[in-house]
Amino acid sequence: MKAIALIVVCLAGGLLVYGTVDMPDWGDPTSPASLHVSPRYIEKTVDETAVPNMVTSVLADYRGYDTLGETTVIFTAGIACLLLLRGMKK
């Protein structure tokens, strides 16, 4: 049973490493995010959101639903941990 688990873990790890081979290097100025997404946020954030802080406008306006989803997941995990650690009372 442990051998099967080890094989599954090695295969999953190999697939994850294989999936990262095609990614651009860290900080690559010619990556798609640096060429298309970042300039749009930098140029149009004040006009589209009326927020002077670019980080706040990206997190709150452009990625608001994503941030809400992340917050919901963290809240749910916290509640689950509290319920598990609380124990059963009779």
N, C-alpha and C. Protein backbone atom coordinates (compact mmCIF):
# COMPACT_ATOMS: atom_id res chain seq x y z
N MET A 1 0.82 -1.20 0.00
CA MET A 1 0.00 0.00 0.00
C MET A 1 0.86 1.26 0.00
N LYS A 2 1.96 1.24 0.77
CA LYS A 2 2.84 2.40 0.81
C LYS A 2 3.55 2.61 -0.52
N ALA A 3 3.82 1.51 -1.22
CA ALA A 3 4.48 1.62 -2.52
C ALA A 3 3.57 2.31 -3.53
N ILE A 4 2.29 1.99 -3.49
CA ILE A 4 1.33 2.62 -4.41
C ILE A 4 1.22 4.11 -4.10
N ALA A 5 1.17 4.45 -2.81
CA ALA A 5 1.09 5.86 -2.41
C ALA A 5 2.34 6.61 -2.87
N LEU A 6 3.51 5.98 -2.72
CA LEU A 6 4.75 6.62 -3.16
C LEU A 6 4.76 6.83 -4.67
N ILE A 7 4.27 5.88 -5.42
CA ILE A 7 4.20 6.01 -6.88
C ILE A 7 3.25 7.14 -7.27
N VAL A 8 2.10 7.21 -6.62
CA VAL A 8 1.13 8.27 -6.92
C VAL A 8 1.72 9.64 -6.60
N VAL A 9 2.41 9.76 -5.46
CA VAL A 9 3.00 11.03 -5.08
C VAL A 9 4.10 11.43 -6.07
N CYS A 10 4.91 10.47 -6.47
CA CYS A 10 5.99 10.77 -7.43
C CYS A 10 5.42 11.18 -8.79
N LEU A 11 4.36 10.50 -9.23
CA LEU A 11 3.73 10.87 -10.50
C LEU A 11 3.12 12.28 -10.42
N ALA A 12 2.43 12.56 -9.32
CA ALA A 12 1.83 13.90 -9.17
C ALA A 12 2.92 14.98 -9.11
N GLY A 13 4.00 14.70 -8.38
CA GLY A 13 5.10 15.66 -8.32
C GLY A 13 5.74 15.86 -9.68
N GLY A 14 5.92 14.77 -10.43
CA GLY A 14 6.47 14.89 -11.78
C GLY A 14 5.59 15.71 -12.70
N LEU A 15 4.27 15.51 -12.59
CA LEU A 15 3.34 16.31 -13.41
C LEU A 15 3.40 17.79 -13.03
N LEU A 16 3.52 18.07 -11.75
CA LEU A 16 3.62 19.47 -11.33
C LEU A 16 4.91 20.12 -11.83
N VAL A 17 6.01 19.39 -11.75
CA VAL A 17 7.27 19.94 -12.26
C VAL A 17 7.20 20.12 -13.77
N TYR A 18 6.63 19.15 -14.47
CA TYR A 18 6.47 19.25 -15.93
C TYR A 18 5.62 20.47 -16.31
N GLY A 19 4.61 20.77 -15.50
CA GLY A 19 3.75 21.91 -15.78
C GLY A 19 4.44 23.25 -15.61
N THR A 20 5.52 23.30 -14.86
CA THR A 20 6.22 24.56 -14.65
C THR A 20 7.34 24.80 -15.65
N VAL A 21 7.63 23.84 -16.50
CA VAL A 21 8.73 23.98 -17.46
C VAL A 21 8.47 25.11 -18.44
N ASP A 22 7.23 25.29 -18.86
CA ASP A 22 6.88 26.27 -19.88
C ASP A 22 6.62 27.67 -19.32
N MET A 23 6.67 27.83 -18.01
CA MET A 23 6.40 29.13 -17.41
C MET A 23 7.56 30.08 -17.65
N PRO A 24 7.28 31.40 -17.74
CA PRO A 24 8.37 32.36 -17.91
C PRO A 24 9.21 32.46 -16.64
N ASP A 25 10.44 32.93 -16.80
CA ASP A 25 11.32 33.09 -15.65
C ASP A 25 10.78 34.16 -14.71
N TRP A 26 11.19 34.08 -13.43
CA TRP A 26 10.76 35.05 -12.43
C TRP A 26 11.29 36.43 -12.78
N GLY A 27 10.40 37.41 -12.87
CA GLY A 27 10.79 38.78 -13.17
C GLY A 27 11.10 39.04 -14.63
N ASP A 28 10.67 38.14 -15.51
CA ASP A 28 10.94 38.29 -16.94
C ASP A 28 10.14 39.47 -17.49
N PRO A 29 10.80 40.51 -18.01
CA PRO A 29 10.07 41.68 -18.52
C PRO A 29 9.31 41.40 -19.82
N THR A 30 9.58 40.27 -20.47
CA THR A 30 8.86 39.94 -21.70
C THR A 30 7.76 38.91 -21.47
N SER A 31 7.42 38.63 -20.22
CA SER A 31 6.33 37.69 -19.94
C SER A 31 4.99 38.34 -20.29
N PRO A 32 3.97 37.54 -20.59
CA PRO A 32 2.66 38.11 -20.95
C PRO A 32 2.08 39.04 -19.87
N ALA A 33 2.29 38.70 -18.61
CA ALA A 33 1.76 39.56 -17.55
C ALA A 33 2.43 40.93 -17.54
N SER A 34 3.72 40.96 -17.87
CA SER A 34 4.45 42.23 -17.87
C SER A 34 4.17 43.05 -19.13
N LEU A 35 3.81 42.39 -20.21
CA LEU A 35 3.58 43.11 -21.47
C LEU A 35 2.15 43.59 -21.64
N HIS A 36 1.18 42.86 -21.08
CA HIS A 36 -0.22 43.18 -21.36
C HIS A 36 -1.01 43.64 -20.12
N VAL A 37 -0.89 42.91 -19.04
CA VAL A 37 -1.74 43.18 -17.87
C VAL A 37 -1.21 44.37 -17.05
N SER A 38 0.04 44.33 -16.68
CA SER A 38 0.60 45.38 -15.81
C SER A 38 0.52 46.77 -16.42
N PRO A 39 0.87 46.96 -17.70
CA PRO A 39 0.76 48.32 -18.25
C PRO A 39 -0.68 48.86 -18.24
N ARG A 40 -1.65 47.98 -18.45
CA ARG A 40 -3.04 48.44 -18.42
C ARG A 40 -3.43 48.90 -17.02
N TYR A 41 -3.05 48.13 -16.01
CA TYR A 41 -3.34 48.54 -14.64
C TYR A 41 -2.64 49.86 -14.31
N ILE A 42 -1.39 50.01 -14.71
CA ILE A 42 -0.63 51.21 -14.39
C ILE A 42 -1.22 52.44 -15.08
N GLU A 43 -1.62 52.30 -16.34
CA GLU A 43 -2.09 53.45 -17.11
C GLU A 43 -3.53 53.83 -16.79
N LYS A 44 -4.40 52.87 -16.52
CA LYS A 44 -5.83 53.17 -16.44
C LYS A 44 -6.43 53.00 -15.06
N THR A 45 -5.65 52.72 -14.04
CA THR A 45 -6.24 52.45 -12.74
C THR A 45 -6.94 53.67 -12.14
N VAL A 46 -6.36 54.84 -12.28
CA VAL A 46 -6.98 56.04 -11.69
C VAL A 46 -8.23 56.42 -12.48
N ASP A 47 -8.18 56.29 -13.81
CA ASP A 47 -9.34 56.65 -14.63
C ASP A 47 -10.52 55.71 -14.42
N GLU A 48 -10.25 54.43 -14.30
CA GLU A 48 -11.33 53.45 -14.21
C GLU A 48 -11.86 53.24 -12.79
N THR A 49 -11.01 53.43 -11.78
CA THR A 49 -11.44 53.12 -10.41
C THR A 49 -11.51 54.33 -9.50
N ALA A 50 -10.86 55.42 -9.86
CA ALA A 50 -10.81 56.64 -9.04
C ALA A 50 -10.14 56.38 -7.69
N VAL A 51 -9.22 55.41 -7.66
CA VAL A 51 -8.46 55.10 -6.46
C VAL A 51 -7.00 55.43 -6.74
N PRO A 52 -6.39 56.30 -5.94
CA PRO A 52 -5.01 56.69 -6.24
C PRO A 52 -3.97 55.60 -5.96
N ASN A 53 -4.28 54.66 -5.08
CA ASN A 53 -3.35 53.59 -4.75
C ASN A 53 -3.59 52.42 -5.71
N MET A 54 -2.58 52.09 -6.52
CA MET A 54 -2.75 51.06 -7.55
C MET A 54 -2.96 49.68 -6.94
N VAL A 55 -2.28 49.35 -5.86
CA VAL A 55 -2.44 48.03 -5.25
C VAL A 55 -3.85 47.86 -4.73
N THR A 56 -4.38 48.87 -4.08
CA THR A 56 -5.74 48.81 -3.57
C THR A 56 -6.75 48.68 -4.71
N SER A 57 -6.54 49.40 -5.79
CA SER A 57 -7.49 49.32 -6.90
C SER A 57 -7.46 47.95 -7.56
N VAL A 58 -6.29 47.32 -7.66
CA VAL A 58 -6.22 45.98 -8.26
C VAL A 58 -6.91 44.97 -7.36
N LEU A 59 -6.63 45.02 -6.05
CA LEU A 59 -7.23 44.03 -5.15
C LEU A 59 -8.72 44.25 -4.94
N ALA A 60 -9.15 45.49 -4.84
CA ALA A 60 -10.54 45.76 -4.51
C ALA A 60 -11.44 45.86 -5.74
N ASP A 61 -10.95 46.45 -6.83
CA ASP A 61 -11.82 46.68 -7.98
C ASP A 61 -11.63 45.64 -9.09
N TYR A 62 -10.41 45.47 -9.54
CA TYR A 62 -10.19 44.55 -10.66
C TYR A 62 -10.34 43.10 -10.24
N ARG A 63 -9.85 42.75 -9.04
CA ARG A 63 -9.88 41.37 -8.58
C ARG A 63 -10.77 41.23 -7.36
N GLY A 64 -11.84 41.97 -7.30
CA GLY A 64 -12.70 41.96 -6.12
C GLY A 64 -13.33 40.62 -5.85
N TYR A 65 -13.86 39.97 -6.87
CA TYR A 65 -14.50 38.66 -6.66
C TYR A 65 -13.46 37.61 -6.26
N ASP A 66 -12.27 37.69 -6.84
CA ASP A 66 -11.21 36.75 -6.48
C ASP A 66 -10.81 36.95 -5.02
N THR A 67 -10.66 38.20 -4.61
CA THR A 67 -10.30 38.49 -3.22
C THR A 67 -11.41 38.05 -2.28
N LEU A 68 -12.67 38.24 -2.67
CA LEU A 68 -13.79 37.78 -1.85
C LEU A 68 -13.77 36.27 -1.72
N GLY A 69 -13.47 35.57 -2.81
CA GLY A 69 -13.40 34.11 -2.76
C GLY A 69 -12.28 33.63 -1.85
N GLU A 70 -11.11 34.27 -1.93
CA GLU A 70 -9.99 33.89 -1.06
C GLU A 70 -10.34 34.13 0.40
N THR A 71 -10.98 35.25 0.68
CA THR A 71 -11.37 35.56 2.05
C THR A 71 -12.38 34.54 2.57
N THR A 72 -13.31 34.14 1.71
CA THR A 72 -14.31 33.15 2.11
C THR A 72 -13.66 31.80 2.42
N VAL A 73 -12.70 31.40 1.61
CA VAL A 73 -12.01 30.13 1.85
C VAL A 73 -11.25 30.18 3.17
N ILE A 74 -10.55 31.28 3.44
CA ILE A 74 -9.80 31.39 4.69
C ILE A 74 -10.73 31.42 5.89
N PHE A 75 -11.85 32.12 5.78
CA PHE A 75 -12.83 32.16 6.86
C PHE A 75 -13.41 30.77 7.13
N THR A 76 -13.76 30.06 6.06
CA THR A 76 -14.33 28.72 6.20
C THR A 76 -13.32 27.77 6.83
N ALA A 77 -12.05 27.86 6.42
CA ALA A 77 -11.02 27.01 7.02
C ALA A 77 -10.85 27.33 8.49
N GLY A 78 -10.89 28.60 8.84
CA GLY A 78 -10.77 28.98 10.25
C GLY A 78 -11.91 28.45 11.10
N ILE A 79 -13.13 28.57 10.58
CA ILE A 79 -14.30 28.04 11.32
C ILE A 79 -14.20 26.53 11.45
N ALA A 80 -13.77 25.85 10.39
CA ALA A 80 -13.62 24.39 10.46
C ALA A 80 -12.58 24.00 11.49
N CYS A 81 -11.47 24.72 11.56
CA CYS A 81 -10.45 24.43 12.57
C CYS A 81 -10.99 24.65 13.97
N LEU A 82 -11.73 25.72 14.17
CA LEU A 82 -12.31 25.97 15.49
C LEU A 82 -13.28 24.86 15.89
N LEU A 83 -14.10 24.42 14.94
CA LEU A 83 -15.05 23.36 15.25
C LEU A 83 -14.35 22.03 15.53
N LEU A 84 -13.27 21.76 14.79
CA LEU A 84 -12.54 20.51 15.04
C LEU A 84 -11.78 20.54 16.36
N LEU A 85 -11.21 21.68 16.69
CA LEU A 85 -10.43 21.78 17.91
C LEU A 85 -11.29 21.93 19.15
N ARG A 86 -12.53 22.35 18.97
CA ARG A 86 -13.43 22.57 20.09
C ARG A 86 -13.76 21.25 20.78
N GLY A 87 -13.91 20.21 20.00
CA GLY A 87 -14.22 18.90 20.56
C GLY A 87 -15.71 18.73 20.76
N MET A 88 -16.08 17.51 21.01
CA MET A 88 -17.50 17.18 21.21
C MET A 88 -17.83 17.28 22.70
N LYS A 89 -18.88 18.00 23.02
CA LYS A 89 -19.35 18.11 24.41
C LYS A 89 -20.64 17.34 24.55
N LYS A 90 -20.75 16.60 25.64
CA LYS A 90 -21.97 15.83 25.88
C LYS A 90 -22.78 16.44 26.97
